[in-house]
N, C-alpha and C. Protein backbone atom coordinates (compact mmCIF):
# COMPACT_ATOMS: atom_id res chain seq x y z
N MET A 1 0.87 -1.16 -0.18
CA MET A 1 0.05 0.02 0.11
C MET A 1 0.91 1.15 0.05
N ALA A 2 0.86 1.93 -0.81
CA ALA A 2 1.52 3.24 -1.03
C ALA A 2 0.74 4.54 -0.68
N GLY A 3 1.42 5.38 -0.21
CA GLY A 3 0.58 6.93 -0.01
C GLY A 3 0.04 7.41 -1.47
N SER A 4 -0.99 8.00 -1.38
CA SER A 4 -1.64 8.39 -2.68
C SER A 4 -1.45 9.77 -2.52
N PHE A 5 -0.74 10.37 -3.31
CA PHE A 5 -0.43 11.76 -3.72
C PHE A 5 0.08 11.93 -4.98
N TYR A 6 0.18 13.31 -5.67
CA TYR A 6 0.99 13.67 -6.94
C TYR A 6 1.86 14.75 -6.51
N MET A 7 3.01 14.36 -7.06
CA MET A 7 4.20 15.48 -6.81
C MET A 7 4.61 15.61 -8.35
N VAL A 8 4.60 17.27 -8.52
CA VAL A 8 5.03 17.79 -9.78
C VAL A 8 5.75 18.67 -9.93
N VAL A 9 6.26 18.99 -10.96
CA VAL A 9 7.16 19.95 -11.40
C VAL A 9 6.63 20.68 -12.50
N PRO A 10 6.05 21.84 -12.28
CA PRO A 10 5.57 22.36 -13.50
C PRO A 10 6.44 22.65 -14.74
N ALA A 11 6.21 22.55 -15.72
CA ALA A 11 6.95 22.76 -16.93
C ALA A 11 7.37 24.23 -17.37
N ASN A 12 6.55 25.21 -16.88
CA ASN A 12 6.80 26.66 -17.08
C ASN A 12 7.66 27.36 -16.06
N ILE A 13 8.12 26.55 -15.30
CA ILE A 13 9.02 27.17 -14.22
C ILE A 13 10.56 27.55 -14.74
N PRO A 14 11.60 28.35 -14.38
CA PRO A 14 12.81 28.54 -14.57
C PRO A 14 13.61 27.24 -14.22
N GLU A 15 14.51 26.80 -15.33
CA GLU A 15 15.23 25.79 -15.04
C GLU A 15 15.80 25.49 -14.08
N GLY A 16 16.54 26.68 -13.19
CA GLY A 16 17.14 26.47 -11.90
C GLY A 16 16.25 25.99 -11.07
N TYR A 17 15.01 26.31 -10.78
CA TYR A 17 13.70 26.13 -10.05
C TYR A 17 13.62 24.49 -10.28
N LYS A 18 13.44 24.21 -11.57
CA LYS A 18 13.18 22.77 -11.75
C LYS A 18 14.11 21.74 -10.96
N LEU A 19 15.48 22.28 -11.06
CA LEU A 19 16.55 21.64 -10.65
C LEU A 19 16.45 21.29 -9.29
N ALA A 20 16.08 22.47 -8.64
CA ALA A 20 15.83 22.38 -7.16
C ALA A 20 14.71 21.49 -6.64
N ALA A 21 13.50 21.64 -7.43
CA ALA A 21 12.26 20.69 -7.35
C ALA A 21 12.63 19.53 -7.79
N TYR A 22 13.27 19.00 -8.43
CA TYR A 22 13.53 17.71 -8.50
C TYR A 22 14.58 17.09 -7.74
N LYS A 23 15.58 17.88 -7.13
CA LYS A 23 16.16 17.55 -5.97
C LYS A 23 15.47 17.28 -4.59
N LEU A 24 14.31 18.10 -4.55
CA LEU A 24 13.57 17.97 -3.35
C LEU A 24 12.59 16.70 -3.45
N LEU A 25 12.13 16.46 -4.73
CA LEU A 25 11.32 15.63 -4.66
C LEU A 25 12.23 13.74 -4.58
N ASN A 26 13.50 13.95 -5.21
CA ASN A 26 14.33 12.83 -4.90
C ASN A 26 14.57 12.60 -3.37
N TYR A 27 14.82 13.63 -2.58
CA TYR A 27 15.43 13.66 -1.32
C TYR A 27 13.71 13.06 -0.47
N LEU A 28 12.75 13.61 -0.86
CA LEU A 28 11.41 12.98 -0.13
C LEU A 28 11.03 11.68 -0.30
N LEU A 29 11.51 11.02 -1.80
CA LEU A 29 11.17 9.87 -2.24
C LEU A 29 12.63 8.64 -1.54
N SER A 30 13.46 9.45 -1.15
CA SER A 30 14.89 8.64 -0.67
C SER A 30 14.15 7.38 0.35
N ASP A 31 14.80 6.31 0.34
CA ASP A 31 14.38 5.69 1.31
C ASP A 31 14.57 5.96 2.80
N ASP A 32 15.42 6.69 3.07
CA ASP A 32 15.61 7.17 4.33
C ASP A 32 14.32 8.36 4.94
N GLN A 33 13.96 9.20 3.92
CA GLN A 33 12.90 9.90 4.07
C GLN A 33 11.45 8.94 4.43
N GLN A 34 11.41 8.13 3.56
CA GLN A 34 10.27 7.23 3.32
C GLN A 34 10.02 6.20 4.63
N VAL A 35 11.38 5.92 5.20
CA VAL A 35 11.51 5.30 6.38
C VAL A 35 11.08 6.14 7.58
N ARG A 36 11.63 7.20 7.41
CA ARG A 36 11.25 8.26 8.63
C ARG A 36 9.62 8.56 8.62
N LEU A 37 9.22 8.56 7.42
CA LEU A 37 7.69 9.13 7.45
C LEU A 37 6.74 7.93 8.14
N VAL A 38 7.18 6.74 7.74
CA VAL A 38 6.22 5.93 8.17
C VAL A 38 6.66 5.55 9.88
N SER A 39 7.80 5.88 10.09
CA SER A 39 8.25 5.32 11.51
C SER A 39 7.90 6.65 12.44
N THR A 40 7.94 7.88 11.94
CA THR A 40 7.46 8.91 13.05
C THR A 40 6.10 9.70 12.71
N MET A 41 5.57 9.34 11.47
CA MET A 41 4.16 10.19 11.34
C MET A 41 3.31 9.05 11.02
N TRP A 42 3.48 7.97 10.72
CA TRP A 42 2.78 6.42 10.91
C TRP A 42 2.03 6.89 9.57
N GLN A 43 2.67 7.47 8.64
CA GLN A 43 2.08 7.62 7.15
C GLN A 43 2.75 6.41 6.25
N TYR A 44 1.94 5.67 5.64
CA TYR A 44 2.50 4.64 4.71
C TYR A 44 3.48 5.21 3.79
N PRO A 45 4.39 4.45 3.29
CA PRO A 45 5.65 4.88 2.27
C PRO A 45 5.06 4.79 0.87
N SER A 46 5.42 5.68 0.29
CA SER A 46 5.12 5.84 -1.25
C SER A 46 6.24 5.09 -2.25
N THR A 47 7.15 4.31 -1.56
CA THR A 47 8.16 3.62 -2.21
C THR A 47 8.15 2.20 -1.69
N THR A 48 8.88 1.41 -2.04
CA THR A 48 9.05 -0.02 -1.57
C THR A 48 10.08 0.16 -0.60
N VAL A 49 9.65 0.44 0.67
CA VAL A 49 10.85 0.49 1.77
C VAL A 49 10.39 -0.60 2.83
N LEU A 50 9.33 -1.06 2.47
CA LEU A 50 8.71 -1.86 3.96
C LEU A 50 9.61 -2.66 4.81
N GLU A 51 10.52 -3.36 3.98
CA GLU A 51 11.51 -4.27 4.83
C GLU A 51 12.57 -3.38 5.42
N GLN A 52 12.53 -2.10 5.33
CA GLN A 52 13.60 -1.28 6.04
C GLN A 52 12.85 -0.75 7.28
N VAL A 53 11.69 -0.88 7.37
CA VAL A 53 10.64 -0.10 8.40
C VAL A 53 11.00 -0.87 9.73
N PRO A 54 11.32 -0.17 10.84
CA PRO A 54 11.45 -0.98 12.06
C PRO A 54 10.26 -1.81 12.57
N GLY A 55 10.13 -3.03 13.13
CA GLY A 55 8.97 -3.50 13.61
C GLY A 55 8.29 -3.11 14.43
N ILE A 56 8.56 -1.96 15.51
CA ILE A 56 7.70 -1.39 16.24
C ILE A 56 6.72 -0.65 15.67
N VAL A 57 7.08 -0.21 14.10
CA VAL A 57 6.01 0.40 13.62
C VAL A 57 4.69 -0.13 13.32
N TRP A 58 4.90 -1.68 13.11
CA TRP A 58 3.55 -2.45 12.92
C TRP A 58 2.99 -2.85 14.06
N GLU A 59 3.64 -2.09 15.18
CA GLU A 59 2.94 -2.45 16.44
C GLU A 59 2.04 -1.20 16.72
N GLN A 60 2.26 -0.16 15.73
CA GLN A 60 1.41 0.97 15.94
C GLN A 60 0.44 1.06 14.94
N ILE A 61 0.72 0.86 13.81
CA ILE A 61 -0.41 0.61 12.71
C ILE A 61 -0.33 -0.46 12.04
N PRO A 62 -1.43 -0.76 11.29
CA PRO A 62 -1.47 -1.99 10.76
C PRO A 62 -0.64 -2.24 9.38
N TYR A 63 -0.13 -3.37 9.39
CA TYR A 63 0.67 -3.52 8.13
C TYR A 63 -0.07 -3.29 6.81
N PRO A 64 0.45 -2.80 5.76
CA PRO A 64 -0.02 -2.07 4.74
C PRO A 64 -1.48 -2.86 3.97
N ASP A 65 -1.04 -4.44 3.86
CA ASP A 65 -2.00 -5.24 3.15
C ASP A 65 -3.29 -5.26 4.32
N VAL A 66 -3.03 -5.20 5.58
CA VAL A 66 -4.42 -5.06 6.54
C VAL A 66 -4.98 -4.14 6.54
N ALA A 67 -4.44 -2.82 6.22
CA ALA A 67 -5.00 -1.39 5.99
C ALA A 67 -5.86 -1.19 4.78
N LYS A 68 -5.01 -1.91 3.63
CA LYS A 68 -5.76 -1.81 2.50
C LYS A 68 -6.92 -2.72 2.34
N ALA A 69 -7.09 -3.80 3.00
CA ALA A 69 -8.07 -4.47 3.18
C ALA A 69 -9.34 -3.93 3.76
N ALA A 70 -9.08 -2.88 4.55
CA ALA A 70 -10.28 -2.10 5.39
C ALA A 70 -10.19 -0.68 4.98
N ALA A 71 -9.64 -0.46 3.51
CA ALA A 71 -9.76 0.61 3.33
C ALA A 71 -11.14 1.16 2.54
N MET A 72 -11.36 2.45 2.66
CA MET A 72 -12.76 2.85 1.88
C MET A 72 -12.74 2.45 0.41
N PRO A 73 -14.10 2.11 0.00
CA PRO A 73 -13.94 1.91 -1.34
C PRO A 73 -13.49 3.20 -2.28
N LEU A 74 -12.96 2.89 -3.43
CA LEU A 74 -12.76 4.14 -4.17
C LEU A 74 -13.89 4.81 -4.74
N ASN A 75 -15.04 4.37 -4.64
CA ASN A 75 -16.45 4.95 -5.12
C ASN A 75 -16.90 5.82 -4.12
N HIS A 76 -16.25 6.03 -2.89
CA HIS A 76 -16.88 6.72 -1.92
C HIS A 76 -15.76 8.00 -2.01
N PHE A 77 -14.90 8.16 -2.81
CA PHE A 77 -14.05 9.51 -3.08
C PHE A 77 -14.74 10.26 -3.74
N ASN A 78 -14.55 11.79 -3.74
CA ASN A 78 -15.16 12.69 -4.60
C ASN A 78 -14.34 12.70 -5.89
N ALA A 79 -14.66 11.63 -6.76
CA ALA A 79 -14.11 11.64 -7.89
C ALA A 79 -14.10 13.13 -8.94
N ALA A 80 -15.28 14.00 -9.17
CA ALA A 80 -15.50 15.04 -9.41
C ALA A 80 -14.15 15.81 -9.01
N ALA A 81 -13.99 15.86 -7.83
CA ALA A 81 -13.01 17.05 -7.33
C ALA A 81 -11.63 16.81 -7.73
N ILE A 82 -11.34 15.34 -7.67
CA ILE A 82 -9.99 14.75 -8.02
C ILE A 82 -9.85 15.14 -9.70
N GLU A 83 -10.97 14.67 -10.59
CA GLU A 83 -10.67 15.09 -11.75
C GLU A 83 -10.55 16.71 -12.24
N TRP A 84 -11.10 17.52 -11.54
CA TRP A 84 -11.03 18.75 -11.55
C TRP A 84 -9.49 19.26 -11.21
N VAL A 85 -8.94 18.79 -10.14
CA VAL A 85 -7.67 19.24 -9.79
C VAL A 85 -6.74 18.77 -10.98
N LYS A 86 -6.91 17.21 -11.56
CA LYS A 86 -6.03 16.75 -12.70
C LYS A 86 -5.96 17.78 -13.95
N GLU A 87 -7.33 18.23 -14.16
CA GLU A 87 -7.41 18.88 -15.34
C GLU A 87 -7.05 20.44 -15.18
N HIS A 88 -7.50 21.08 -14.12
CA HIS A 88 -7.20 22.64 -13.75
C HIS A 88 -6.34 23.19 -12.62
N GLY A 89 -5.59 22.04 -11.87
CA GLY A 89 -4.90 22.35 -11.02
C GLY A 89 -3.45 23.23 -11.60
N LEU A 90 -2.98 23.03 -12.49
CA LEU A 90 -1.82 24.04 -12.97
C LEU A 90 -2.14 25.32 -13.38
N GLU A 91 -3.69 25.64 -13.45
CA GLU A 91 -3.76 27.14 -13.95
C GLU A 91 -4.01 27.67 -12.43
N LEU A 92 -3.68 26.83 -11.33
CA LEU A 92 -3.29 27.96 -10.18
C LEU A 92 -2.26 28.17 -9.72
N VAL A 93 -1.28 27.51 -10.62
CA VAL A 93 0.07 27.88 -10.21
C VAL A 93 0.56 29.31 -10.89
N PRO A 94 0.99 29.96 -10.00
CA PRO A 94 1.56 31.36 -10.53
C PRO A 94 2.57 31.38 -11.41
N SER A 95 2.38 32.24 -12.56
CA SER A 95 3.35 32.29 -13.56
C SER A 95 4.07 33.82 -13.37
N GLU A 96 5.65 33.51 -14.01
CA GLU A 96 6.22 34.64 -13.70
C GLU A 96 5.84 35.77 -14.74
């Protein structure tokens, strides 16, 4: 079970900002940060680091397959809002 979110780097930002954004994304997706995320905030990782997660974590939160089995069905999410963000979200990003 992976965390569900989008991380993007807008195409219309300066190249220097893009480099910084890619470095930040790589940092956030690094094994170290993903393990810290689940170990300190109890947020499931977005990468495949489960074997690196300390066992005590699974004493606090359910293992991902258990949580996934109990998750809210997808048809209970606000699909219209998610689609709007996908289609129009970048319109909200300020341009220089």
